[in-house]
Amino acid sequence: MKLLACVIVTAVALVFALEDKKAEEAAGRPKTYKRLIPADVLRDFPGMCFASTRCATIEPGNTWDLSPFCGRSTCVTAENDPTQLLELVEDCGPLPKSNPKCKLSEKTNKTASFPDCCPTFECEDGVTLEYPEIPVIATATDTTTTSPKP
């Protein structure tokens, strides 16, 4: 009986969590973007990423805030070349296209940690924000593309 009650409580919590997420998206919750870029590496610290926003070296697998910008980065090794370091950058991406029926929310907290620092917008009923297309560029050494988080 206790197991059944546990399963029911878990299912109800999951339904509420999914509804909260849908409500956040409908309320103009910001999209976040991820992209891989070549990491800055100092010659005296090979094998470590250099975090210019912190003026510190970071070991692969570790993450740091990009403050005063809204984002975070993770030092990672390239899958096809373990000697190459990359920086996985996560940020708010581009601002949405201008829409007179949507306003920047006063709930936006620019000093919060990522992703809560991303701008949020409040739109009139039935209005959805449009975001600009981000061009996808593939290089000979990196076929990773920039795309929004689903």
C-alpha atoms as a PDB file:
ATOM      1  CA  MET A   1       0.000   0.000   0.000  1.00  0.00           C
ATOM      2  CA  LYS A   2       2.852   2.376   0.862  1.00  0.00           C
ATOM      3  CA  LEU A   3       4.462   1.620  -2.503  1.00  0.00           C
ATOM      4  CA  LEU A   4       1.250   2.501  -4.339  1.00  0.00           C
ATOM      5  CA  ALA A   5       0.971   5.782  -2.422  1.00  0.00           C
ATOM      6  CA  CYS A   6       4.613   6.560  -3.265  1.00  0.00           C
ATOM      7  CA  VAL A   7       4.005   5.897  -6.967  1.00  0.00           C
ATOM      8  CA  ILE A   8       0.900   8.106  -6.988  1.00  0.00           C
ATOM      9  CA  VAL A   9       2.677  10.978  -5.212  1.00  0.00           C
ATOM     10  CA  THR A  10       5.608  10.708  -7.641  1.00  0.00           C
ATOM     11  CA  ALA A  11       3.279  10.712 -10.663  1.00  0.00           C
ATOM     12  CA  VAL A  12       1.400  13.770  -9.382  1.00  0.00           C
ATOM     13  CA  ALA A  13       4.677  15.604  -8.722  1.00  0.00           C
ATOM     14  CA  LEU A  14       5.882  14.773 -12.238  1.00  0.00           C
ATOM     15  CA  VAL A  15       2.658  16.094 -13.794  1.00  0.00           C
ATOM     16  CA  PHE A  16       2.958  19.354 -11.835  1.00  0.00           C
ATOM     17  CA  ALA A  17       6.618  19.722 -12.823  1.00  0.00           C
ATOM     18  CA  LEU A  18       5.760  19.284 -16.514  1.00  0.00           C
ATOM     19  CA  GLU A  19       2.915  21.801 -16.237  1.00  0.00           C
ATOM     20  CA  ASP A  20       5.252  24.299 -14.518  1.00  0.00           C
ATOM     21  CA  LYS A  21       7.760  23.903 -17.347  1.00  0.00           C
ATOM     22  CA  LYS A  22       5.054  24.489 -19.970  1.00  0.00           C
ATOM     23  CA  ALA A  23       3.849  27.552 -18.046  1.00  0.00           C
ATOM     24  CA  GLU A  24       7.402  28.933 -17.906  1.00  0.00           C
ATOM     25  CA  GLU A  25       7.811  28.484 -21.668  1.00  0.00           C
ATOM     26  CA  ALA A  26       4.451  30.129 -22.318  1.00  0.00           C
ATOM     27  CA  ALA A  27       5.381  32.993 -19.998  1.00  0.00           C
ATOM     28  CA  GLY A  28       8.395  33.884 -22.103  1.00  0.00           C
ATOM     29  CA  ARG A  29      10.962  31.749 -20.291  1.00  0.00           C
ATOM     30  CA  PRO A  30      14.253  32.285 -22.084  1.00  0.00           C
ATOM     31  CA  LYS A  31      15.799  29.833 -24.472  1.00  0.00           C
ATOM     32  CA  THR A  32      19.362  28.810 -23.757  1.00  0.00           C
ATOM     33  CA  TYR A  33      22.024  28.036 -26.327  1.00  0.00           C
ATOM     34  CA  LYS A  34      25.078  25.779 -26.311  1.00  0.00           C
ATOM     35  CA  ARG A  35      28.090  25.938 -28.577  1.00  0.00           C
ATOM     36  CA  LEU A  36      31.590  24.483 -28.649  1.00  0.00           C
ATOM     37  CA  ILE A  37      34.485  26.835 -29.285  1.00  0.00           C
ATOM     38  CA  PRO A  38      38.251  26.298 -29.125  1.00  0.00           C
ATOM     39  CA  ALA A  39      39.376  26.849 -25.546  1.00  0.00           C
ATOM     40  CA  ASP A  40      41.929  29.457 -24.559  1.00  0.00           C
ATOM     41  CA  VAL A  41      45.024  27.635 -23.300  1.00  0.00           C
ATOM     42  CA  LEU A  42      48.043  29.264 -21.677  1.00  0.00           C
ATOM     43  CA  ARG A  43      51.430  27.910 -22.777  1.00  0.00           C
ATOM     44  CA  ASP A  44      52.498  27.480 -19.144  1.00  0.00           C
ATOM     45  CA  PHE A  45      49.369  25.449 -18.348  1.00  0.00           C
ATOM     46  CA  PRO A  46      48.862  22.939 -21.190  1.00  0.00           C
ATOM     47  CA  GLY A  47      45.951  20.589 -20.687  1.00  0.00           C
ATOM     48  CA  MET A  48      43.869  23.248 -18.918  1.00  0.00           C
ATOM     49  CA  CYS A  49      41.362  25.805 -20.196  1.00  0.00           C
ATOM     50  CA  PHE A  50      41.897  29.463 -19.369  1.00  0.00           C
ATOM     51  CA  ALA A  51      38.775  31.181 -18.021  1.00  0.00           C
ATOM     52  CA  SER A  52      39.301  34.837 -18.904  1.00  0.00           C
ATOM     53  CA  THR A  53      36.272  35.975 -16.882  1.00  0.00           C
ATOM     54  CA  ARG A  54      37.871  34.500 -13.748  1.00  0.00           C
ATOM     55  CA  CYS A  55      41.531  34.852 -14.720  1.00  0.00           C
ATOM     56  CA  ALA A  56      41.996  31.214 -13.748  1.00  0.00           C
ATOM     57  CA  THR A  57      42.912  27.866 -15.269  1.00  0.00           C
ATOM     58  CA  ILE A  58      40.227  25.180 -15.308  1.00  0.00           C
ATOM     59  CA  GLU A  59      40.691  21.414 -15.573  1.00  0.00           C
ATOM     60  CA  PRO A  60      38.707  19.469 -18.201  1.00  0.00           C
ATOM     61  CA  GLY A  61      35.280  18.509 -16.891  1.00  0.00           C
ATOM     62  CA  ASN A  62      34.923  21.578 -14.660  1.00  0.00           C
ATOM     63  CA  THR A  63      32.454  24.433 -15.139  1.00  0.00           C
ATOM     64  CA  TRP A  64      32.663  28.155 -14.351  1.00  0.00           C
ATOM     65  CA  ASP A  65      30.350  31.172 -14.418  1.00  0.00           C
ATOM     66  CA  LEU A  66      30.828  33.774 -17.121  1.00  0.00           C
ATOM     67  CA  SER A  67      29.826  36.691 -14.912  1.00  0.00           C
ATOM     68  CA  PRO A  68      29.473  39.595 -15.452  1.00  0.00           C
ATOM     69  CA  PHE A  69      27.839  37.941 -18.477  1.00  0.00           C
ATOM     70  CA  CYS A  70      24.879  35.585 -18.177  1.00  0.00           C
ATOM     71  CA  GLY A  71      26.257  32.157 -18.973  1.00  0.00           C
ATOM     72  CA  ARG A  72      28.535  29.330 -17.973  1.00  0.00           C
ATOM     73  CA  SER A  73      31.327  27.395 -19.648  1.00  0.00           C
ATOM     74  CA  THR A  74      32.710  23.908 -19.264  1.00  0.00           C
ATOM     75  CA  CYS A  75      36.218  22.827 -20.208  1.00  0.00           C
ATOM     76  CA  VAL A  76      35.989  19.669 -22.346  1.00  0.00           C
ATOM     77  CA  THR A  77      38.335  17.565 -24.459  1.00  0.00           C
ATOM     78  CA  ALA A  78      37.543  17.030 -28.133  1.00  0.00           C
ATOM     79  CA  GLU A  79      36.131  13.578 -28.874  1.00  0.00           C
ATOM     80  CA  ASN A  80      38.327  13.074 -31.939  1.00  0.00           C
ATOM     81  CA  ASP A  81      41.512  14.528 -30.366  1.00  0.00           C
ATOM     82  CA  PRO A  82      41.978  14.225 -26.584  1.00  0.00           C
ATOM     83  CA  THR A  83      44.838  16.743 -26.725  1.00  0.00           C
ATOM     84  CA  GLN A  84      42.526  19.495 -28.029  1.00  0.00           C
ATOM     85  CA  LEU A  85      40.562  21.459 -25.436  1.00  0.00           C
ATOM     86  CA  LEU A  86      37.185  23.002 -26.172  1.00  0.00           C
ATOM     87  CA  GLU A  87      34.918  25.312 -24.225  1.00  0.00           C
ATOM     88  CA  LEU A  88      31.244  24.375 -24.062  1.00  0.00           C
ATOM     89  CA  VAL A  89      29.569  27.774 -23.726  1.00  0.00           C
ATOM     90  CA  GLU A  90      25.979  27.993 -22.503  1.00  0.00           C
ATOM     91  CA  ASP A  91      24.248  31.367 -22.594  1.00  0.00           C
ATOM     92  CA  CYS A  92      20.962  33.136 -23.292  1.00  0.00           C
ATOM     93  CA  GLY A  93      21.640  33.458 -27.010  1.00  0.00           C
ATOM     94  CA  PRO A  94      20.267  36.316 -29.075  1.00  0.00           C
ATOM     95  CA  LEU A  95      17.425  38.506 -27.877  1.00  0.00           C
ATOM     96  CA  PRO A  96      14.064  37.855 -29.522  1.00  0.00           C
ATOM     97  CA  LYS A  97      12.909  39.957 -32.435  1.00  0.00           C
ATOM     98  CA  SER A  98      11.255  43.197 -31.378  1.00  0.00           C
ATOM     99  CA  ASN A  99       7.561  42.791 -30.644  1.00  0.00           C
ATOM    100  CA  PRO A 100       5.481  45.687 -29.283  1.00  0.00           C
ATOM    101  CA  LYS A 101       3.139  43.159 -27.629  1.00  0.00           C
ATOM    102  CA  CYS A 102       5.951  41.727 -25.477  1.00  0.00           C
ATOM    103  CA  LYS A 103       7.842  43.524 -22.727  1.00  0.00           C
ATOM    104  CA  LEU A 104      10.910  42.631 -20.681  1.00  0.00           C
ATOM    105  CA  SER A 105       9.659  41.239 -17.382  1.00  0.00           C
ATOM    106  CA  GLU A 106      10.458  43.042 -14.152  1.00  0.00           C
ATOM    107  CA  LYS A 107      11.158  39.555 -12.755  1.00  0.00           C
ATOM    108  CA  THR A 108      14.362  39.385 -14.826  1.00  0.00           C
ATOM    109  CA  ASN A 109      17.279  39.087 -12.394  1.00  0.00           C
ATOM    110  CA  LYS A 110      20.493  39.998 -14.190  1.00  0.00           C
ATOM    111  CA  THR A 111      22.616  39.102 -11.149  1.00  0.00           C
ATOM    112  CA  ALA A 112      21.211  35.578 -10.700  1.00  0.00           C
ATOM    113  CA  SER A 113      23.238  32.561 -11.765  1.00  0.00           C
ATOM    114  CA  PHE A 114      22.712  31.003 -15.203  1.00  0.00           C
ATOM    115  CA  PRO A 115      20.087  30.332 -16.573  1.00  0.00           C
ATOM    116  CA  ASP A 116      18.022  32.395 -14.129  1.00  0.00           C
ATOM    117  CA  CYS A 117      19.853  35.561 -15.245  1.00  0.00           C
ATOM    118  CA  CYS A 118      18.504  35.263 -18.804  1.00  0.00           C
ATOM    119  CA  PRO A 119      15.920  37.872 -19.733  1.00  0.00           C
ATOM    120  CA  THR A 120      12.280  36.866 -19.458  1.00  0.00           C
ATOM    121  CA  PHE A 121       9.475  38.487 -21.397  1.00  0.00           C
ATOM    122  CA  GLU A 122       5.786  38.975 -20.762  1.00  0.00           C
ATOM    123  CA  CYS A 123       3.591  38.904 -23.860  1.00  0.00           C
ATOM    124  CA  GLU A 124      -0.060  39.612 -24.461  1.00  0.00           C
ATOM    125  CA  ASP A 125      -2.297  36.542 -24.746  1.00  0.00           C
ATOM    126  CA  GLY A 126      -1.763  34.589 -27.958  1.00  0.00           C
ATOM    127  CA  VAL A 127       1.558  36.281 -28.782  1.00  0.00           C
ATOM    128  CA  THR A 128       4.766  34.254 -29.013  1.00  0.00           C
ATOM    129  CA  LEU A 129       8.283  35.576 -29.254  1.00  0.00           C
ATOM    130  CA  GLU A 130      10.273  35.012 -32.425  1.00  0.00           C
ATOM    131  CA  TYR A 131      14.019  34.508 -32.228  1.00  0.00           C
ATOM    132  CA  PRO A 132      16.463  35.267 -35.027  1.00  0.00           C
ATOM    133  CA  GLU A 133      17.989  32.333 -36.872  1.00  0.00           C
ATOM    134  CA  ILE A 134      21.567  31.631 -35.875  1.00  0.00           C
ATOM    135  CA  PRO A 135      23.748  30.632 -38.815  1.00  0.00           C
ATOM    136  CA  VAL A 136      25.359  27.208 -38.540  1.00  0.00           C
ATOM    137  CA  ILE A 137      29.016  27.056 -39.488  1.00  0.00           C
ATOM    138  CA  ALA A 138      30.958  23.800 -39.771  1.00  0.00           C
ATOM    139  CA  THR A 139      34.734  23.837 -40.003  1.00  0.00           C
ATOM    140  CA  ALA A 140      37.103  21.142 -41.211  1.00  0.00           C
ATOM    141  CA  THR A 141      38.158  20.298 -37.642  1.00  0.00           C
ATOM    142  CA  ASP A 142      34.850  20.770 -35.871  1.00  0.00           C
ATOM    143  CA  THR A 143      31.455  19.659 -37.139  1.00  0.00           C
ATOM    144  CA  THR A 144      29.660  20.821 -34.005  1.00  0.00           C
ATOM    145  CA  THR A 145      26.883  23.288 -34.699  1.00  0.00           C
ATOM    146  CA  THR A 146      25.173  25.945 -32.687  1.00  0.00           C
ATOM    147  CA  SER A 147      21.593  25.079 -31.933  1.00  0.00           C
ATOM    148  CA  PRO A 148      18.990  26.003 -29.351  1.00  0.00           C
ATOM    149  CA  LYS A 149      18.289  23.698 -26.450  1.00  0.00           C
ATOM    150  CA  PRO A 150      14.959  21.948 -27.096  1.00  0.00           C
END
